[in-house]
Amino acid sequence: MADILVTTTERIPGQEYQVIGEVFGLTTQSKNVIRNIGASLKNVVGGEIKDYTKMLDEARNVAVDRLKQNAANMGADAVVMMRFDSGSIGTDMQSVAAYGTAVKYL
């Protein structure tokens, strides 16, 4: 799985490949009580909410790892045109999706 190249570009320089299909990785993270208290305090004084930023960074990493695993399961060598999408589910959950096109080198 670690050998799966993930790129946001459409082409991989020097590689010819065939498209296998769409691939994605999903995760949903929930906020905990301590993060909620910290966020409430930051709303009063302003500034970055570092616990939320850390949670989203971790969620993106999990989503990419799952994307790579799904691509490997499809027999892919790489994923091109990778993108992220995220959104809130209710007031205390955040969902992150990493998606792209799985390809096999010729």
C-alpha atoms as a PDB file:
ATOM      1  CA  MET A   1       0.000   0.000   0.000  1.00  0.00           C
ATOM      2  CA  ALA A   2       2.855   2.409   0.772  1.00  0.00           C
ATOM      3  CA  ASP A   3       3.921   2.184  -2.887  1.00  0.00           C
ATOM      4  CA  ILE A   4       0.668   3.722  -4.172  1.00  0.00           C
ATOM      5  CA  LEU A   5       1.453   7.140  -5.624  1.00  0.00           C
ATOM      6  CA  VAL A   6      -1.235   9.744  -4.903  1.00  0.00           C
ATOM      7  CA  THR A   7      -1.181  12.927  -6.948  1.00  0.00           C
ATOM      8  CA  THR A   8      -3.512  15.856  -7.508  1.00  0.00           C
ATOM      9  CA  THR A   9      -2.409  16.122 -11.144  1.00  0.00           C
ATOM     10  CA  GLU A  10      -4.069  14.437 -14.101  1.00  0.00           C
ATOM     11  CA  ARG A  11      -0.852  13.085 -15.592  1.00  0.00           C
ATOM     12  CA  ILE A  12       2.132  11.345 -14.018  1.00  0.00           C
ATOM     13  CA  PRO A  13       5.267  12.469 -15.893  1.00  0.00           C
ATOM     14  CA  GLY A  14       6.949   9.595 -17.721  1.00  0.00           C
ATOM     15  CA  GLN A  15       4.149   7.093 -17.008  1.00  0.00           C
ATOM     16  CA  GLU A  16       1.541   5.593 -19.275  1.00  0.00           C
ATOM     17  CA  TYR A  17      -1.411   4.005 -17.566  1.00  0.00           C
ATOM     18  CA  GLN A  18      -4.937   2.770 -17.935  1.00  0.00           C
ATOM     19  CA  VAL A  19      -7.810   3.976 -15.790  1.00  0.00           C
ATOM     20  CA  ILE A  20      -9.221   1.384 -13.397  1.00  0.00           C
ATOM     21  CA  GLY A  21     -11.932   3.520 -11.847  1.00  0.00           C
ATOM     22  CA  GLU A  22     -13.021   5.817  -9.067  1.00  0.00           C
ATOM     23  CA  VAL A  23     -11.509   5.262  -5.644  1.00  0.00           C
ATOM     24  CA  PHE A  24     -12.152   6.918  -2.306  1.00  0.00           C
ATOM     25  CA  GLY A  25     -11.337   6.898   1.398  1.00  0.00           C
ATOM     26  CA  LEU A  26     -13.743   8.115   4.052  1.00  0.00           C
ATOM     27  CA  THR A  27     -13.599   8.908   7.745  1.00  0.00           C
ATOM     28  CA  THR A  28     -15.805  10.676  10.259  1.00  0.00           C
ATOM     29  CA  GLN A  29     -14.352  12.159  13.423  1.00  0.00           C
ATOM     30  CA  SER A  30     -16.279  13.360  16.439  1.00  0.00           C
ATOM     31  CA  LYS A  31     -15.361  16.205  18.726  1.00  0.00           C
ATOM     32  CA  ASN A  32     -14.857  15.408  22.381  1.00  0.00           C
ATOM     33  CA  VAL A  33     -15.909  17.404  25.425  1.00  0.00           C
ATOM     34  CA  ILE A  34     -12.477  18.966  25.964  1.00  0.00           C
ATOM     35  CA  ARG A  35     -12.286  20.103  22.332  1.00  0.00           C
ATOM     36  CA  ASN A  36     -15.783  21.572  22.603  1.00  0.00           C
ATOM     37  CA  ILE A  37     -14.857  23.535  25.740  1.00  0.00           C
ATOM     38  CA  GLY A  38     -11.668  24.814  24.081  1.00  0.00           C
ATOM     39  CA  ALA A  39     -13.599  25.804  20.974  1.00  0.00           C
ATOM     40  CA  SER A  40     -16.168  27.671  23.029  1.00  0.00           C
ATOM     41  CA  LEU A  41     -13.422  29.652  24.749  1.00  0.00           C
ATOM     42  CA  LYS A  42     -11.738  30.442  21.408  1.00  0.00           C
ATOM     43  CA  ASN A  43     -15.063  31.730  20.079  1.00  0.00           C
ATOM     44  CA  VAL A  44     -14.918  34.389  22.787  1.00  0.00           C
ATOM     45  CA  VAL A  45     -11.303  35.500  22.295  1.00  0.00           C
ATOM     46  CA  GLY A  46     -10.738  34.477  18.663  1.00  0.00           C
ATOM     47  CA  GLY A  47      -7.857  32.596  17.068  1.00  0.00           C
ATOM     48  CA  GLU A  48      -7.113  29.152  15.739  1.00  0.00           C
ATOM     49  CA  ILE A  49      -8.693  26.187  17.466  1.00  0.00           C
ATOM     50  CA  LYS A  50      -5.650  23.923  17.378  1.00  0.00           C
ATOM     51  CA  ASP A  51      -7.459  20.792  18.598  1.00  0.00           C
ATOM     52  CA  TYR A  52      -9.925  21.047  15.696  1.00  0.00           C
ATOM     53  CA  THR A  53      -7.100  21.681  13.245  1.00  0.00           C
ATOM     54  CA  LYS A  54      -5.298  18.596  14.567  1.00  0.00           C
ATOM     55  CA  MET A  55      -8.512  16.552  14.299  1.00  0.00           C
ATOM     56  CA  LEU A  56      -9.005  17.586  10.661  1.00  0.00           C
ATOM     57  CA  ASP A  57      -5.362  16.885   9.813  1.00  0.00           C
ATOM     58  CA  GLU A  58      -5.661  13.406  11.321  1.00  0.00           C
ATOM     59  CA  ALA A  59      -8.929  12.839   9.450  1.00  0.00           C
ATOM     60  CA  ARG A  60      -7.300  13.793   6.130  1.00  0.00           C
ATOM     61  CA  ASN A  61      -4.425  11.382   6.781  1.00  0.00           C
ATOM     62  CA  VAL A  62      -6.848   8.548   7.610  1.00  0.00           C
ATOM     63  CA  ALA A  63      -8.884   9.306   4.474  1.00  0.00           C
ATOM     64  CA  VAL A  64      -5.752   9.182   2.258  1.00  0.00           C
ATOM     65  CA  ASP A  65      -4.591   5.923   3.884  1.00  0.00           C
ATOM     66  CA  ARG A  66      -8.001   4.392   3.160  1.00  0.00           C
ATOM     67  CA  LEU A  67      -7.902   5.742  -0.397  1.00  0.00           C
ATOM     68  CA  LYS A  68      -4.519   4.046  -0.906  1.00  0.00           C
ATOM     69  CA  GLN A  69      -5.795   0.776   0.555  1.00  0.00           C
ATOM     70  CA  ASN A  70      -8.868   0.817  -1.688  1.00  0.00           C
ATOM     71  CA  ALA A  71      -6.665   1.553  -4.718  1.00  0.00           C
ATOM     72  CA  ALA A  72      -4.330  -1.319  -3.797  1.00  0.00           C
ATOM     73  CA  ASN A  73      -7.327  -3.636  -3.453  1.00  0.00           C
ATOM     74  CA  MET A  74      -8.323  -2.681  -7.020  1.00  0.00           C
ATOM     75  CA  GLY A  75      -4.820  -3.523  -8.292  1.00  0.00           C
ATOM     76  CA  ALA A  76      -3.864   0.107  -8.881  1.00  0.00           C
ATOM     77  CA  ASP A  77      -0.354   1.535  -8.963  1.00  0.00           C
ATOM     78  CA  ALA A  78      -1.403   5.144  -8.406  1.00  0.00           C
ATOM     79  CA  VAL A  79      -4.271   7.552  -7.856  1.00  0.00           C
ATOM     80  CA  VAL A  80      -4.508  10.660 -10.027  1.00  0.00           C
ATOM     81  CA  MET A  81      -6.679  13.763  -9.629  1.00  0.00           C
ATOM     82  CA  MET A  82      -6.993  13.212  -5.847  1.00  0.00           C
ATOM     83  CA  ARG A  83      -9.224  15.698  -4.061  1.00  0.00           C
ATOM     84  CA  PHE A  84     -10.642  16.218  -0.586  1.00  0.00           C
ATOM     85  CA  ASP A  85     -14.179  16.982   0.459  1.00  0.00           C
ATOM     86  CA  SER A  86     -15.294  17.621   4.021  1.00  0.00           C
ATOM     87  CA  GLY A  87     -18.383  18.606   5.878  1.00  0.00           C
ATOM     88  CA  SER A  88     -20.083  18.660   9.237  1.00  0.00           C
ATOM     89  CA  ILE A  89     -22.550  16.060  10.368  1.00  0.00           C
ATOM     90  CA  GLY A  90     -24.649  17.716  13.027  1.00  0.00           C
ATOM     91  CA  THR A  91     -22.771  19.951  15.414  1.00  0.00           C
ATOM     92  CA  ASP A  92     -20.155  17.537  16.708  1.00  0.00           C
ATOM     93  CA  MET A  93     -18.907  15.404  13.798  1.00  0.00           C
ATOM     94  CA  GLN A  94     -16.707  16.117  10.791  1.00  0.00           C
ATOM     95  CA  SER A  95     -16.527  13.894   7.713  1.00  0.00           C
ATOM     96  CA  VAL A  96     -13.577  13.849   5.296  1.00  0.00           C
ATOM     97  CA  ALA A  97     -13.489  12.118   1.914  1.00  0.00           C
ATOM     98  CA  ALA A  98     -10.412  11.675  -0.250  1.00  0.00           C
ATOM     99  CA  TYR A  99     -11.257  10.643  -3.809  1.00  0.00           C
ATOM    100  CA  GLY A 100      -9.607  10.256  -7.184  1.00  0.00           C
ATOM    101  CA  THR A 101      -9.030   7.958 -10.118  1.00  0.00           C
ATOM    102  CA  ALA A 102      -7.189   4.662  -9.635  1.00  0.00           C
ATOM    103  CA  VAL A 103      -4.779   3.814 -12.464  1.00  0.00           C
ATOM    104  CA  LYS A 104      -2.586   0.845 -13.464  1.00  0.00           C
ATOM    105  CA  TYR A 105       0.785   1.380 -15.149  1.00  0.00           C
ATOM    106  CA  LEU A 106       1.229  -0.152 -18.616  1.00  0.00           C
END
